[in-house]
Amino acid sequence: MALILLVEDNELNRDMLSRRLKRAGHDVVLAVDGQEAVTKALGDKPDIVLMDLSLPVFDGWEATRRIRAGMTGERLPIIALTAHAMVGERERALEAGCDDFDTKPVDFERLSGKIAALLARPA
């Protein structure tokens, strides 16, 4: 399947989602803050990133911008995840460079569909 970088600072959310992703056949790399997200996205070369937007060090919007700035032509899909689904959050995430947006609590079937669709897109 895919190597997924899961960026989540909440331990319970991180544990639950990483276990479900692994059961679905994916390999999972974890990051707990914005700086670690950038380092692992650029260093570990995941197939896709699930990016929490509310993070310590710097937030998911800034982490996404830094990942995009550090890339050299390769395609890396990023799905923003947030519990704060206020008006404008989706647009703000897309403007920062995310490819899609989903809300928490995570509907795993819906998120799995988004992951599959982004991974299937041509480079």
N, C-alpha and C. Protein backbone atom coordinates (compact mmCIF):
# COMPACT_ATOMS: atom_id res chain seq x y z
N MET A 1 0.85 -1.18 0.00
CA MET A 1 0.00 0.00 0.00
C MET A 1 0.89 1.24 0.00
N ALA A 2 0.64 2.17 0.91
CA ALA A 2 1.34 3.46 0.87
C ALA A 2 2.09 3.72 2.17
N LEU A 3 3.12 4.57 2.06
CA LEU A 3 3.79 5.09 3.25
C LEU A 3 3.11 6.42 3.57
N ILE A 4 2.46 6.48 4.73
CA ILE A 4 1.69 7.65 5.13
C ILE A 4 2.39 8.35 6.28
N LEU A 5 2.61 9.66 6.13
CA LEU A 5 3.10 10.48 7.23
C LEU A 5 1.88 11.04 7.93
N LEU A 6 1.67 10.61 9.17
CA LEU A 6 0.56 11.08 9.99
C LEU A 6 1.10 12.13 10.95
N VAL A 7 0.63 13.37 10.77
CA VAL A 7 1.07 14.48 11.61
C VAL A 7 -0.07 14.81 12.56
N GLU A 8 0.12 14.48 13.83
CA GLU A 8 -0.94 14.63 14.83
C GLU A 8 -0.31 14.79 16.20
N ASP A 9 -0.65 15.86 16.91
CA ASP A 9 -0.06 16.08 18.23
C ASP A 9 -0.86 15.43 19.36
N ASN A 10 -2.11 15.06 19.11
CA ASN A 10 -2.93 14.42 20.13
C ASN A 10 -2.65 12.92 20.14
N GLU A 11 -2.15 12.43 21.26
CA GLU A 11 -1.73 11.03 21.35
C GLU A 11 -2.86 10.05 21.06
N LEU A 12 -4.04 10.29 21.59
CA LEU A 12 -5.17 9.38 21.34
C LEU A 12 -5.55 9.35 19.87
N ASN A 13 -5.65 10.52 19.25
CA ASN A 13 -5.97 10.57 17.82
C ASN A 13 -4.89 9.89 16.99
N ARG A 14 -3.63 10.17 17.33
CA ARG A 14 -2.49 9.59 16.61
C ARG A 14 -2.51 8.07 16.70
N ASP A 15 -2.74 7.55 17.91
CA ASP A 15 -2.74 6.11 18.12
C ASP A 15 -3.88 5.43 17.36
N MET A 16 -5.09 5.99 17.50
CA MET A 16 -6.26 5.39 16.85
C MET A 16 -6.10 5.40 15.33
N LEU A 17 -5.72 6.53 14.77
CA LEU A 17 -5.65 6.63 13.32
C LEU A 17 -4.48 5.81 12.77
N SER A 18 -3.35 5.81 13.44
CA SER A 18 -2.22 5.02 12.94
C SER A 18 -2.54 3.53 12.96
N ARG A 19 -3.23 3.06 14.01
CA ARG A 19 -3.61 1.64 14.04
C ARG A 19 -4.56 1.29 12.91
N ARG A 20 -5.52 2.16 12.64
CA ARG A 20 -6.47 1.89 11.55
C ARG A 20 -5.79 1.90 10.19
N LEU A 21 -4.86 2.82 9.99
CA LEU A 21 -4.12 2.88 8.73
C LEU A 21 -3.27 1.63 8.55
N LYS A 22 -2.62 1.17 9.62
CA LYS A 22 -1.80 -0.04 9.54
C LYS A 22 -2.66 -1.26 9.26
N ARG A 23 -3.83 -1.34 9.89
CA ARG A 23 -4.74 -2.46 9.62
C ARG A 23 -5.21 -2.46 8.17
N ALA A 24 -5.27 -1.28 7.57
CA ALA A 24 -5.67 -1.17 6.16
C ALA A 24 -4.51 -1.49 5.22
N GLY A 25 -3.33 -1.80 5.79
CA GLY A 25 -2.20 -2.23 4.98
C GLY A 25 -1.15 -1.17 4.70
N HIS A 26 -1.28 0.00 5.28
CA HIS A 26 -0.32 1.08 5.05
C HIS A 26 0.82 1.02 6.06
N ASP A 27 1.96 1.57 5.67
CA ASP A 27 3.04 1.85 6.60
C ASP A 27 2.84 3.28 7.08
N VAL A 28 3.13 3.54 8.35
CA VAL A 28 2.85 4.85 8.94
C VAL A 28 4.11 5.38 9.61
N VAL A 29 4.42 6.64 9.30
CA VAL A 29 5.47 7.40 9.96
C VAL A 29 4.75 8.50 10.73
N LEU A 30 5.19 8.78 11.96
CA LEU A 30 4.50 9.75 12.80
C LEU A 30 5.33 11.02 13.01
N ALA A 31 4.61 12.15 13.09
CA ALA A 31 5.20 13.43 13.48
C ALA A 31 4.23 14.09 14.44
N VAL A 32 4.77 14.80 15.45
CA VAL A 32 3.92 15.37 16.49
C VAL A 32 3.89 16.90 16.49
N ASP A 33 4.68 17.53 15.61
CA ASP A 33 4.64 18.99 15.51
C ASP A 33 4.99 19.41 14.08
N GLY A 34 4.85 20.70 13.81
CA GLY A 34 5.07 21.19 12.46
C GLY A 34 6.48 21.02 11.96
N GLN A 35 7.46 21.24 12.82
CA GLN A 35 8.86 21.08 12.41
C GLN A 35 9.18 19.63 12.06
N GLU A 36 8.73 18.72 12.90
CA GLU A 36 8.96 17.29 12.64
C GLU A 36 8.24 16.87 11.36
N ALA A 37 7.07 17.44 11.10
CA ALA A 37 6.33 17.13 9.87
C ALA A 37 7.15 17.49 8.64
N VAL A 38 7.73 18.68 8.64
CA VAL A 38 8.53 19.12 7.49
C VAL A 38 9.75 18.21 7.32
N THR A 39 10.45 17.95 8.41
CA THR A 39 11.65 17.11 8.36
C THR A 39 11.33 15.73 7.81
N LYS A 40 10.27 15.12 8.30
CA LYS A 40 9.92 13.76 7.85
C LYS A 40 9.33 13.75 6.45
N ALA A 41 8.57 14.77 6.09
CA ALA A 41 8.00 14.82 4.74
C ALA A 41 9.10 14.92 3.69
N LEU A 42 10.10 15.73 3.98
CA LEU A 42 11.18 15.92 3.01
C LEU A 42 12.24 14.82 3.09
N GLY A 43 12.39 14.19 4.26
CA GLY A 43 13.41 13.17 4.43
C GLY A 43 12.96 11.74 4.21
N ASP A 44 11.78 11.41 4.71
CA ASP A 44 11.29 10.04 4.63
C ASP A 44 10.58 9.72 3.32
N LYS A 45 10.25 10.75 2.55
CA LYS A 45 9.59 10.60 1.24
C LYS A 45 8.30 9.75 1.32
N PRO A 46 7.34 10.17 2.14
CA PRO A 46 6.08 9.43 2.20
C PRO A 46 5.30 9.57 0.89
N ASP A 47 4.33 8.70 0.71
CA ASP A 47 3.46 8.77 -0.48
C ASP A 47 2.36 9.81 -0.30
N ILE A 48 2.00 10.08 0.96
CA ILE A 48 0.92 11.02 1.26
C ILE A 48 1.09 11.49 2.71
N VAL A 49 0.58 12.69 2.99
CA VAL A 49 0.66 13.25 4.34
C VAL A 49 -0.75 13.54 4.83
N LEU A 50 -1.03 13.14 6.07
CA LEU A 50 -2.25 13.53 6.76
C LEU A 50 -1.83 14.58 7.78
N MET A 51 -2.21 15.83 7.56
CA MET A 51 -1.68 16.97 8.30
C MET A 51 -2.72 17.59 9.22
N ASP A 52 -2.53 17.39 10.53
CA ASP A 52 -3.33 18.12 11.51
C ASP A 52 -2.99 19.60 11.33
N LEU A 53 -3.97 20.47 11.48
CA LEU A 53 -3.71 21.90 11.30
C LEU A 53 -3.33 22.61 12.58
N SER A 54 -3.76 22.09 13.73
CA SER A 54 -3.44 22.70 15.03
C SER A 54 -2.28 21.94 15.65
N LEU A 55 -1.08 22.47 15.48
CA LEU A 55 0.14 21.79 15.91
C LEU A 55 1.04 22.72 16.70
N PRO A 56 1.88 22.15 17.58
CA PRO A 56 2.90 22.96 18.23
C PRO A 56 4.08 23.25 17.27
N VAL A 57 4.97 24.11 17.68
CA VAL A 57 6.14 24.61 16.97
C VAL A 57 5.70 25.53 15.84
N PHE A 58 5.10 25.00 14.78
CA PHE A 58 4.32 25.81 13.86
C PHE A 58 3.18 24.97 13.33
N ASP A 59 2.10 25.65 12.94
CA ASP A 59 0.85 24.96 12.61
C ASP A 59 0.93 24.22 11.27
N GLY A 60 -0.14 23.49 10.99
CA GLY A 60 -0.20 22.68 9.78
C GLY A 60 -0.18 23.49 8.50
N TRP A 61 -0.71 24.70 8.53
CA TRP A 61 -0.67 25.55 7.33
C TRP A 61 0.78 25.90 7.02
N GLU A 62 1.52 26.32 8.04
CA GLU A 62 2.93 26.68 7.85
C GLU A 62 3.77 25.46 7.48
N ALA A 63 3.51 24.33 8.12
CA ALA A 63 4.23 23.10 7.79
C ALA A 63 3.99 22.73 6.32
N THR A 64 2.76 22.86 5.86
CA THR A 64 2.44 22.55 4.46
C THR A 64 3.19 23.48 3.53
N ARG A 65 3.19 24.78 3.83
CA ARG A 65 3.91 25.74 2.99
C ARG A 65 5.41 25.40 2.93
N ARG A 66 5.98 25.03 4.07
CA ARG A 66 7.41 24.70 4.11
C ARG A 66 7.72 23.40 3.36
N ILE A 67 6.82 22.43 3.45
CA ILE A 67 6.99 21.19 2.69
C ILE A 67 6.98 21.51 1.20
N ARG A 68 5.99 22.27 0.77
CA ARG A 68 5.89 22.63 -0.65
C ARG A 68 7.13 23.39 -1.11
N ALA A 69 7.62 24.30 -0.29
CA ALA A 69 8.79 25.10 -0.65
C ALA A 69 10.05 24.23 -0.74
N GLY A 70 10.12 23.16 0.03
CA GLY A 70 11.30 22.30 0.05
C GLY A 70 11.30 21.19 -0.97
N MET A 71 10.22 21.04 -1.71
CA MET A 71 10.11 19.97 -2.68
C MET A 71 10.75 20.38 -4.00
N THR A 72 11.29 19.40 -4.70
CA THR A 72 11.94 19.67 -5.98
C THR A 72 11.23 18.93 -7.10
N GLY A 73 9.98 19.29 -7.33
CA GLY A 73 9.24 18.73 -8.46
C GLY A 73 8.44 17.47 -8.17
N GLU A 74 8.75 16.75 -7.10
CA GLU A 74 7.98 15.54 -6.82
C GLU A 74 6.58 15.90 -6.32
N ARG A 75 5.68 14.97 -6.50
CA ARG A 75 4.29 15.17 -6.10
C ARG A 75 4.08 14.52 -4.75
N LEU A 76 3.57 15.27 -3.78
CA LEU A 76 3.27 14.73 -2.45
C LEU A 76 1.89 15.22 -2.04
N PRO A 77 0.88 14.36 -2.12
CA PRO A 77 -0.45 14.77 -1.69
C PRO A 77 -0.50 15.01 -0.18
N ILE A 78 -1.21 16.07 0.21
CA ILE A 78 -1.39 16.41 1.62
C ILE A 78 -2.87 16.61 1.89
N ILE A 79 -3.39 15.89 2.88
CA ILE A 79 -4.77 16.05 3.32
C ILE A 79 -4.76 16.74 4.68
N ALA A 80 -5.40 17.89 4.77
CA ALA A 80 -5.52 18.61 6.04
C ALA A 80 -6.58 17.93 6.90
N LEU A 81 -6.30 17.82 8.19
CA LEU A 81 -7.26 17.27 9.15
C LEU A 81 -7.45 18.29 10.27
N THR A 82 -8.71 18.56 10.61
CA THR A 82 -8.96 19.51 11.69
C THR A 82 -10.27 19.22 12.40
N ALA A 83 -10.28 19.51 13.68
CA ALA A 83 -11.50 19.42 14.47
C ALA A 83 -12.24 20.76 14.44
N HIS A 84 -11.59 21.78 13.92
CA HIS A 84 -12.17 23.13 13.89
C HIS A 84 -12.63 23.46 12.48
N ALA A 85 -13.71 22.83 12.05
CA ALA A 85 -14.20 22.98 10.69
C ALA A 85 -15.04 24.24 10.55
N MET A 86 -14.40 25.38 10.77
CA MET A 86 -15.11 26.65 10.66
C MET A 86 -15.11 27.12 9.21
N VAL A 87 -15.98 28.07 8.93
CA VAL A 87 -16.07 28.63 7.59
C VAL A 87 -14.69 29.15 7.17
N GLY A 88 -14.26 28.78 6.00
CA GLY A 88 -13.00 29.26 5.47
C GLY A 88 -11.81 28.36 5.74
N GLU A 89 -11.94 27.38 6.64
CA GLU A 89 -10.81 26.50 6.97
C GLU A 89 -10.37 25.68 5.76
N ARG A 90 -11.32 25.13 5.02
CA ARG A 90 -10.99 24.32 3.85
C ARG A 90 -10.22 25.16 2.84
N GLU A 91 -10.74 26.35 2.54
CA GLU A 91 -10.10 27.23 1.57
C GLU A 91 -8.70 27.62 2.03
N ARG A 92 -8.57 27.92 3.31
CA ARG A 92 -7.27 28.30 3.86
C ARG A 92 -6.27 27.15 3.72
N ALA A 93 -6.72 25.92 3.98
CA ALA A 93 -5.85 24.75 3.84
C ALA A 93 -5.43 24.54 2.39
N LEU A 94 -6.36 24.69 1.47
CA LEU A 94 -6.04 24.53 0.05
C LEU A 94 -5.08 25.62 -0.41
N GLU A 95 -5.27 26.84 0.06
CA GLU A 95 -4.37 27.94 -0.30
C GLU A 95 -2.95 27.69 0.22
N ALA A 96 -2.83 27.03 1.37
CA ALA A 96 -1.52 26.72 1.94
C ALA A 96 -0.80 25.62 1.15
N GLY A 97 -1.54 24.87 0.33
CA GLY A 97 -0.93 23.82 -0.47
C GLY A 97 -1.47 22.43 -0.24
N CYS A 98 -2.49 22.30 0.61
CA CYS A 98 -3.10 20.98 0.82
C CYS A 98 -3.92 20.60 -0.42
N ASP A 99 -4.00 19.30 -0.67
CA ASP A 99 -4.77 18.81 -1.81
C ASP A 99 -6.21 18.53 -1.46
N ASP A 100 -6.48 18.27 -0.19
CA ASP A 100 -7.83 17.95 0.26
C ASP A 100 -7.94 18.31 1.73
N PHE A 101 -9.12 18.14 2.28
CA PHE A 101 -9.44 18.59 3.63
C PHE A 101 -10.44 17.60 4.22
N ASP A 102 -10.26 17.26 5.49
CA ASP A 102 -11.23 16.39 6.16
C ASP A 102 -11.34 16.83 7.61
N THR A 103 -12.44 16.47 8.23
CA THR A 103 -12.71 16.91 9.60
C THR A 103 -12.55 15.75 10.58
N LYS A 104 -12.32 16.15 11.83
CA LYS A 104 -12.27 15.20 12.95
C LYS A 104 -13.55 15.38 13.75
N PRO A 105 -14.05 14.35 14.38
CA PRO A 105 -13.45 13.02 14.36
C PRO A 105 -13.47 12.44 12.95
N VAL A 106 -12.44 11.67 12.67
CA VAL A 106 -12.24 11.12 11.33
C VAL A 106 -13.27 10.05 11.02
N ASP A 107 -13.91 10.19 9.86
CA ASP A 107 -14.73 9.11 9.30
C ASP A 107 -13.75 8.30 8.45
N PHE A 108 -13.32 7.14 8.96
CA PHE A 108 -12.22 6.42 8.33
C PHE A 108 -12.53 6.01 6.90
N GLU A 109 -13.76 5.61 6.63
CA GLU A 109 -14.10 5.21 5.26
C GLU A 109 -13.98 6.39 4.30
N ARG A 110 -14.46 7.55 4.72
CA ARG A 110 -14.36 8.74 3.87
C ARG A 110 -12.89 9.12 3.66
N LEU A 111 -12.10 9.12 4.75
CA LEU A 111 -10.69 9.46 4.64
C LEU A 111 -9.96 8.45 3.76
N SER A 112 -10.27 7.18 3.89
CA SER A 112 -9.64 6.15 3.04
C SER A 112 -9.93 6.40 1.58
N GLY A 113 -11.14 6.83 1.26
CA GLY A 113 -11.50 7.15 -0.11
C GLY A 113 -10.68 8.32 -0.64
N LYS A 114 -10.48 9.33 0.20
CA LYS A 114 -9.67 10.49 -0.21
C LYS A 114 -8.21 10.09 -0.41
N ILE A 115 -7.69 9.25 0.48
CA ILE A 115 -6.32 8.77 0.33
C ILE A 115 -6.17 8.02 -0.99
N ALA A 116 -7.07 7.10 -1.25
CA ALA A 116 -7.00 6.29 -2.48
C ALA A 116 -7.10 7.18 -3.71
N ALA A 117 -7.99 8.16 -3.69
CA ALA A 117 -8.16 9.03 -4.85
C ALA A 117 -6.90 9.85 -5.12
N LEU A 118 -6.29 10.38 -4.05
CA LEU A 118 -5.07 11.17 -4.26
C LEU A 118 -3.89 10.32 -4.69
N LEU A 119 -3.79 9.11 -4.16
CA LEU A 119 -2.70 8.23 -4.56
C LEU A 119 -2.85 7.76 -6.00
N ALA A 120 -4.07 7.70 -6.49
CA ALA A 120 -4.32 7.25 -7.85
C ALA A 120 -4.10 8.34 -8.90
N ARG A 121 -4.03 9.60 -8.45
CA ARG A 121 -3.82 10.70 -9.39
C ARG A 121 -2.46 10.57 -10.05
N PRO A 122 -2.41 10.86 -11.35
CA PRO A 122 -1.10 10.80 -12.02
C PRO A 122 -0.16 11.89 -11.49
N ALA A 123 1.11 11.58 -11.53
CA ALA A 123 2.14 12.54 -11.03
C ALA A 123 2.20 13.79 -11.88
